[in-house]
Amino acid sequence: MQVKVSYITANDIMEVLGVGRSKAYGIVRELNQELEESGYNVIRGKVPIRYFQKKFYGCESE
């Protein structure tokens, strides 16, 4: 069984959204907290890219 889950990091978020490092880390923490509250396990410092795309308009994959 092969599962492919792509994650986005704070450095990637800085580039995509054009924000600073502290803002990007804040976004990662916020999204991970939302996922934890929904019952998901999270990896600190990373967010599933599909969840990030869902939460930020204009970042949807084509």
PDB file of N, CA and C in Angstrom:
ATOM      1  N   MET A   1       0.847  -1.177   0.000  1.00  0.00           N
ATOM      2  CA  MET A   1       0.000   0.000   0.000  1.00  0.00           C
ATOM      3  C   MET A   1       0.891   1.238   0.000  1.00  0.00           C
ATOM      4  N   GLN A   2       0.632   2.118  -0.929  1.00  0.00           N
ATOM      5  CA  GLN A   2       1.425   3.341  -1.018  1.00  0.00           C
ATOM      6  C   GLN A   2       0.491   4.536  -0.892  1.00  0.00           C
ATOM      7  N   VAL A   3       0.755   5.355   0.107  1.00  0.00           N
ATOM      8  CA  VAL A   3      -0.040   6.548   0.350  1.00  0.00           C
ATOM      9  C   VAL A   3       0.851   7.755   0.141  1.00  0.00           C
ATOM     10  N   LYS A   4       0.363   8.713  -0.636  1.00  0.00           N
ATOM     11  CA  LYS A   4       1.156   9.915  -0.874  1.00  0.00           C
ATOM     12  C   LYS A   4       0.431  11.103  -0.256  1.00  0.00           C
ATOM     13  N   VAL A   5       1.034  11.683   0.754  1.00  0.00           N
ATOM     14  CA  VAL A   5       0.510  12.889   1.388  1.00  0.00           C
ATOM     15  C   VAL A   5       1.594  13.941   1.286  1.00  0.00           C
ATOM     16  N   SER A   6       1.238  15.045   0.699  1.00  0.00           N
ATOM     17  CA  SER A   6       2.195  16.134   0.572  1.00  0.00           C
ATOM     18  C   SER A   6       1.949  17.146   1.674  1.00  0.00           C
ATOM     19  N   TYR A   7       3.011  17.651   2.211  1.00  0.00           N
ATOM     20  CA  TYR A   7       2.928  18.625   3.289  1.00  0.00           C
ATOM     21  C   TYR A   7       3.553  19.935   2.857  1.00  0.00           C
ATOM     22  N   ILE A   8       3.084  21.009   3.440  1.00  0.00           N
ATOM     23  CA  ILE A   8       3.634  22.330   3.203  1.00  0.00           C
ATOM     24  C   ILE A   8       4.247  22.812   4.517  1.00  0.00           C
ATOM     25  N   THR A   9       5.376  23.462   4.423  1.00  0.00           N
ATOM     26  CA  THR A   9       6.069  23.959   5.614  1.00  0.00           C
ATOM     27  C   THR A   9       5.944  25.478   5.685  1.00  0.00           C
ATOM     28  N   ALA A  10       6.401  26.036   6.782  1.00  0.00           N
ATOM     29  CA  ALA A  10       6.362  27.489   6.966  1.00  0.00           C
ATOM     30  C   ALA A  10       7.171  28.195   5.877  1.00  0.00           C
ATOM     31  N   ASN A  11       8.302  27.620   5.485  1.00  0.00           N
ATOM     32  CA  ASN A  11       9.109  28.234   4.417  1.00  0.00           C
ATOM     33  C   ASN A  11       8.333  28.297   3.109  1.00  0.00           C
ATOM     34  N   ASP A  12       7.581  27.234   2.806  1.00  0.00           N
ATOM     35  CA  ASP A  12       6.762  27.221   1.600  1.00  0.00           C
ATOM     36  C   ASP A  12       5.644  28.252   1.698  1.00  0.00           C
ATOM     37  N   ILE A  13       5.030  28.362   2.873  1.00  0.00           N
ATOM     38  CA  ILE A  13       3.944  29.321   3.080  1.00  0.00           C
ATOM     39  C   ILE A  13       4.461  30.739   2.917  1.00  0.00           C
ATOM     40  N   MET A  14       5.664  31.009   3.402  1.00  0.00           N
ATOM     41  CA  MET A  14       6.270  32.327   3.229  1.00  0.00           C
ATOM     42  C   MET A  14       6.335  32.686   1.746  1.00  0.00           C
ATOM     43  N   GLU A  15       6.734  31.736   0.951  1.00  0.00           N
ATOM     44  CA  GLU A  15       6.893  31.959  -0.479  1.00  0.00           C
ATOM     45  C   GLU A  15       5.544  32.123  -1.183  1.00  0.00           C
ATOM     46  N   VAL A  16       4.595  31.242  -0.867  1.00  0.00           N
ATOM     47  CA  VAL A  16       3.295  31.244  -1.537  1.00  0.00           C
ATOM     48  C   VAL A  16       2.486  32.492  -1.197  1.00  0.00           C
ATOM     49  N   LEU A  17       2.449  32.848   0.089  1.00  0.00           N
ATOM     50  CA  LEU A  17       1.616  33.962   0.525  1.00  0.00           C
ATOM     51  C   LEU A  17       2.360  35.287   0.606  1.00  0.00           C
ATOM     52  N   GLY A  18       3.667  35.246   0.546  1.00  0.00           N
ATOM     53  CA  GLY A  18       4.445  36.473   0.636  1.00  0.00           C
ATOM     54  C   GLY A  18       4.391  37.095   2.017  1.00  0.00           C
ATOM     55  N   VAL A  19       4.451  36.251   3.042  1.00  0.00           N
ATOM     56  CA  VAL A  19       4.421  36.729   4.429  1.00  0.00           C
ATOM     57  C   VAL A  19       5.768  36.447   5.092  1.00  0.00           C
ATOM     58  N   GLY A  20       5.964  37.025   6.263  1.00  0.00           N
ATOM     59  CA  GLY A  20       7.191  36.812   7.010  1.00  0.00           C
ATOM     60  C   GLY A  20       7.210  35.467   7.718  1.00  0.00           C
ATOM     61  N   ARG A  21       8.370  35.152   8.279  1.00  0.00           N
ATOM     62  CA  ARG A  21       8.577  33.870   8.942  1.00  0.00           C
ATOM     63  C   ARG A  21       7.635  33.659  10.127  1.00  0.00           C
ATOM     64  N   SER A  22       7.480  34.675  10.980  1.00  0.00           N
ATOM     65  CA  SER A  22       6.645  34.492  12.171  1.00  0.00           C
ATOM     66  C   SER A  22       5.178  34.316  11.785  1.00  0.00           C
ATOM     67  N   LYS A  23       4.714  35.027  10.763  1.00  0.00           N
ATOM     68  CA  LYS A  23       3.336  34.868  10.298  1.00  0.00           C
ATOM     69  C   LYS A  23       3.126  33.477   9.727  1.00  0.00           C
ATOM     70  N   ALA A  24       4.088  32.990   8.957  1.00  0.00           N
ATOM     71  CA  ALA A  24       3.987  31.655   8.358  1.00  0.00           C
ATOM     72  C   ALA A  24       3.927  30.580   9.437  1.00  0.00           C
ATOM     73  N   TYR A  25       4.770  30.695  10.465  1.00  0.00           N
ATOM     74  CA  TYR A  25       4.724  29.716  11.553  1.00  0.00           C
ATOM     75  C   TYR A  25       3.411  29.809  12.311  1.00  0.00           C
ATOM     76  N   GLY A  26       2.867  31.008  12.445  1.00  0.00           N
ATOM     77  CA  GLY A  26       1.567  31.178  13.085  1.00  0.00           C
ATOM     78  C   GLY A  26       0.462  30.484  12.303  1.00  0.00           C
ATOM     79  N   ILE A  27       0.533  30.563  10.987  1.00  0.00           N
ATOM     80  CA  ILE A  27      -0.450  29.886  10.132  1.00  0.00           C
ATOM     81  C   ILE A  27      -0.349  28.379  10.305  1.00  0.00           C
ATOM     82  N   VAL A  28       0.872  27.852  10.336  1.00  0.00           N
ATOM     83  CA  VAL A  28       1.069  26.408  10.530  1.00  0.00           C
ATOM     84  C   VAL A  28       0.469  25.978  11.877  1.00  0.00           C
ATOM     85  N   ARG A  29       0.762  26.737  12.938  1.00  0.00           N
ATOM     86  CA  ARG A  29       0.222  26.398  14.260  1.00  0.00           C
ATOM     87  C   ARG A  29      -1.308  26.434  14.260  1.00  0.00           C
ATOM     88  N   GLU A  30      -1.876  27.464  13.638  1.00  0.00           N
ATOM     89  CA  GLU A  30      -3.331  27.612  13.604  1.00  0.00           C
ATOM     90  C   GLU A  30      -3.995  26.455  12.856  1.00  0.00           C
ATOM     91  N   LEU A  31      -3.460  26.116  11.697  1.00  0.00           N
ATOM     92  CA  LEU A  31      -4.038  25.029  10.914  1.00  0.00           C
ATOM     93  C   LEU A  31      -3.882  23.689  11.622  1.00  0.00           C
ATOM     94  N   ASN A  32      -2.730  23.458  12.239  1.00  0.00           N
ATOM     95  CA  ASN A  32      -2.531  22.212  12.985  1.00  0.00           C
ATOM     96  C   ASN A  32      -3.468  22.130  14.180  1.00  0.00           C
ATOM     97  N   GLN A  33      -3.725  23.250  14.834  1.00  0.00           N
ATOM     98  CA  GLN A  33      -4.652  23.258  15.961  1.00  0.00           C
ATOM     99  C   GLN A  33      -6.065  22.903  15.487  1.00  0.00           C
ATOM    100  N   GLU A  34      -6.487  23.452  14.348  1.00  0.00           N
ATOM    101  CA  GLU A  34      -7.794  23.124  13.786  1.00  0.00           C
ATOM    102  C   GLU A  34      -7.890  21.632  13.481  1.00  0.00           C
ATOM    103  N   LEU A  35      -6.833  21.085  12.900  1.00  0.00           N
ATOM    104  CA  LEU A  35      -6.833  19.656  12.580  1.00  0.00           C
ATOM    105  C   LEU A  35      -6.890  18.799  13.846  1.00  0.00           C
ATOM    106  N   GLU A  36      -6.122  19.182  14.872  1.00  0.00           N
ATOM    107  CA  GLU A  36      -6.137  18.442  16.136  1.00  0.00           C
ATOM    108  C   GLU A  36      -7.518  18.462  16.769  1.00  0.00           C
ATOM    109  N   GLU A  37      -8.159  19.625  16.754  1.00  0.00           N
ATOM    110  CA  GLU A  37      -9.497  19.741  17.334  1.00  0.00           C
ATOM    111  C   GLU A  37     -10.523  18.910  16.572  1.00  0.00           C
ATOM    112  N   SER A  38     -10.235  18.633  15.302  1.00  0.00           N
ATOM    113  CA  SER A  38     -11.110  17.794  14.496  1.00  0.00           C
ATOM    114  C   SER A  38     -10.789  16.311  14.662  1.00  0.00           C
ATOM    115  N   GLY A  39      -9.777  16.004  15.466  1.00  0.00           N
ATOM    116  CA  GLY A  39      -9.445  14.614  15.757  1.00  0.00           C
ATOM    117  C   GLY A  39      -8.335  14.024  14.915  1.00  0.00           C
ATOM    118  N   TYR A  40      -7.652  14.826  14.142  1.00  0.00           N
ATOM    119  CA  TYR A  40      -6.560  14.329  13.313  1.00  0.00           C
ATOM    120  C   TYR A  40      -5.239  14.394  14.065  1.00  0.00           C
ATOM    121  N   ASN A  41      -4.333  13.503  13.719  1.00  0.00           N
ATOM    122  CA  ASN A  41      -2.964  13.581  14.212  1.00  0.00           C
ATOM    123  C   ASN A  41      -2.220  14.561  13.319  1.00  0.00           C
ATOM    124  N   VAL A  42      -1.336  15.335  13.910  1.00  0.00           N
ATOM    125  CA  VAL A  42      -0.608  16.335  13.134  1.00  0.00           C
ATOM    126  C   VAL A  42       0.890  16.130  13.282  1.00  0.00           C
ATOM    127  N   ILE A  43       1.622  16.678  12.342  1.00  0.00           N
ATOM    128  CA  ILE A  43       3.079  16.704  12.394  1.00  0.00           C
ATOM    129  C   ILE A  43       3.465  18.157  12.614  1.00  0.00           C
ATOM    130  N   ARG A  44       4.131  18.430  13.711  1.00  0.00           N
ATOM    131  CA  ARG A  44       4.509  19.809  14.016  1.00  0.00           C
ATOM    132  C   ARG A  44       5.394  20.367  12.917  1.00  0.00           C
ATOM    133  N   GLY A  45       5.089  21.593  12.524  1.00  0.00           N
ATOM    134  CA  GLY A  45       5.881  22.264  11.511  1.00  0.00           C
ATOM    135  C   GLY A  45       5.445  21.990  10.086  1.00  0.00           C
ATOM    136  N   LYS A  46       4.440  21.125   9.906  1.00  0.00           N
ATOM    137  CA  LYS A  46       3.959  20.789   8.572  1.00  0.00           C
ATOM    138  C   LYS A  46       2.439  20.716   8.587  1.00  0.00           C
ATOM    139  N   VAL A  47       1.848  21.053   7.442  1.00  0.00           N
ATOM    140  CA  VAL A  47       0.400  20.985   7.269  1.00  0.00           C
ATOM    141  C   VAL A  47       0.134  20.267   5.951  1.00  0.00           C
ATOM    142  N   PRO A  48      -0.851  19.383   5.920  1.00  0.00           N
ATOM    143  CA  PRO A  48      -1.185  18.757   4.636  1.00  0.00           C
ATOM    144  C   PRO A  48      -1.513  19.835   3.597  1.00  0.00           C
ATOM    145  N   ILE A  49      -0.919  19.723   2.436  1.00  0.00           N
ATOM    146  CA  ILE A  49      -1.056  20.769   1.427  1.00  0.00           C
ATOM    147  C   ILE A  49      -2.505  20.922   0.974  1.00  0.00           C
ATOM    148  N   ARG A  50      -3.252  19.845   0.913  1.00  0.00           N
ATOM    149  CA  ARG A  50      -4.659  19.949   0.493  1.00  0.00           C
ATOM    150  C   ARG A  50      -5.481  20.743   1.507  1.00  0.00           C
ATOM    151  N   TYR A  51      -5.170  20.610   2.797  1.00  0.00           N
ATOM    152  CA  TYR A  51      -5.885  21.377   3.813  1.00  0.00           C
ATOM    153  C   TYR A  51      -5.514  22.856   3.705  1.00  0.00           C
ATOM    154  N   PHE A  52      -4.242  23.134   3.484  1.00  0.00           N
ATOM    155  CA  PHE A  52      -3.797  24.519   3.289  1.00  0.00           C
ATOM    156  C   PHE A  52      -4.506  25.135   2.084  1.00  0.00           C
ATOM    157  N   GLN A  53      -4.575  24.406   0.979  1.00  0.00           N
ATOM    158  CA  GLN A  53      -5.222  24.913  -0.226  1.00  0.00           C
ATOM    159  C   GLN A  53      -6.707  25.164   0.008  1.00  0.00           C
ATOM    160  N   LYS A  54      -7.327  24.318   0.812  1.00  0.00           N
ATOM    161  CA  LYS A  54      -8.749  24.475   1.121  1.00  0.00           C
ATOM    162  C   LYS A  54      -8.987  25.750   1.936  1.00  0.00           C
ATOM    163  N   LYS A  55      -8.079  26.074   2.839  1.00  0.00           N
ATOM    164  CA  LYS A  55      -8.259  27.199   3.750  1.00  0.00           C
ATOM    165  C   LYS A  55      -7.876  28.544   3.136  1.00  0.00           C
ATOM    166  N   PHE A  56      -7.027  28.562   2.126  1.00  0.00           N
ATOM    167  CA  PHE A  56      -6.558  29.812   1.548  1.00  0.00           C
ATOM    168  C   PHE A  56      -7.008  29.927   0.100  1.00  0.00           C
ATOM    169  N   TYR A  57      -7.880  30.886  -0.145  1.00  0.00           N
ATOM    170  CA  TYR A  57      -8.416  31.137  -1.476  1.00  0.00           C
ATOM    171  C   TYR A  57      -7.284  31.459  -2.452  1.00  0.00           C
ATOM    172  N   GLY A  58      -7.348  30.909  -3.634  1.00  0.00           N
ATOM    173  CA  GLY A  58      -6.347  31.188  -4.631  1.00  0.00           C
ATOM    174  C   GLY A  58      -5.198  30.207  -4.627  1.00  0.00           C
ATOM    175  N   CYS A  59      -5.200  29.261  -3.672  1.00  0.00           N
ATOM    176  CA  CYS A  59      -4.101  28.279  -3.586  1.00  0.00           C
ATOM    177  C   CYS A  59      -4.560  26.892  -4.005  1.00  0.00           C
ATOM    178  N   GLU A  60      -5.737  26.794  -4.634  1.00  0.00           N
ATOM    179  CA  GLU A  60      -6.249  25.499  -5.037  1.00  0.00           C
ATOM    180  C   GLU A  60      -5.389  24.904  -6.129  1.00  0.00           C
ATOM    181  N   SER A  61      -5.256  23.582  -6.111  1.00  0.00           N
ATOM    182  CA  SER A  61      -4.490  22.919  -7.169  1.00  0.00           C
ATOM    183  C   SER A  61      -5.392  22.795  -8.377  1.00  0.00           C
ATOM    184  N   GLU A  62      -4.790  22.820  -9.549  1.00  0.00           N
ATOM    185  CA  GLU A  62      -5.567  22.762 -10.782  1.00  0.00           C
ATOM    186  C   GLU A  62      -5.595  21.373 -11.339  1.00  0.00           C
TER     187      GLU A  62
END
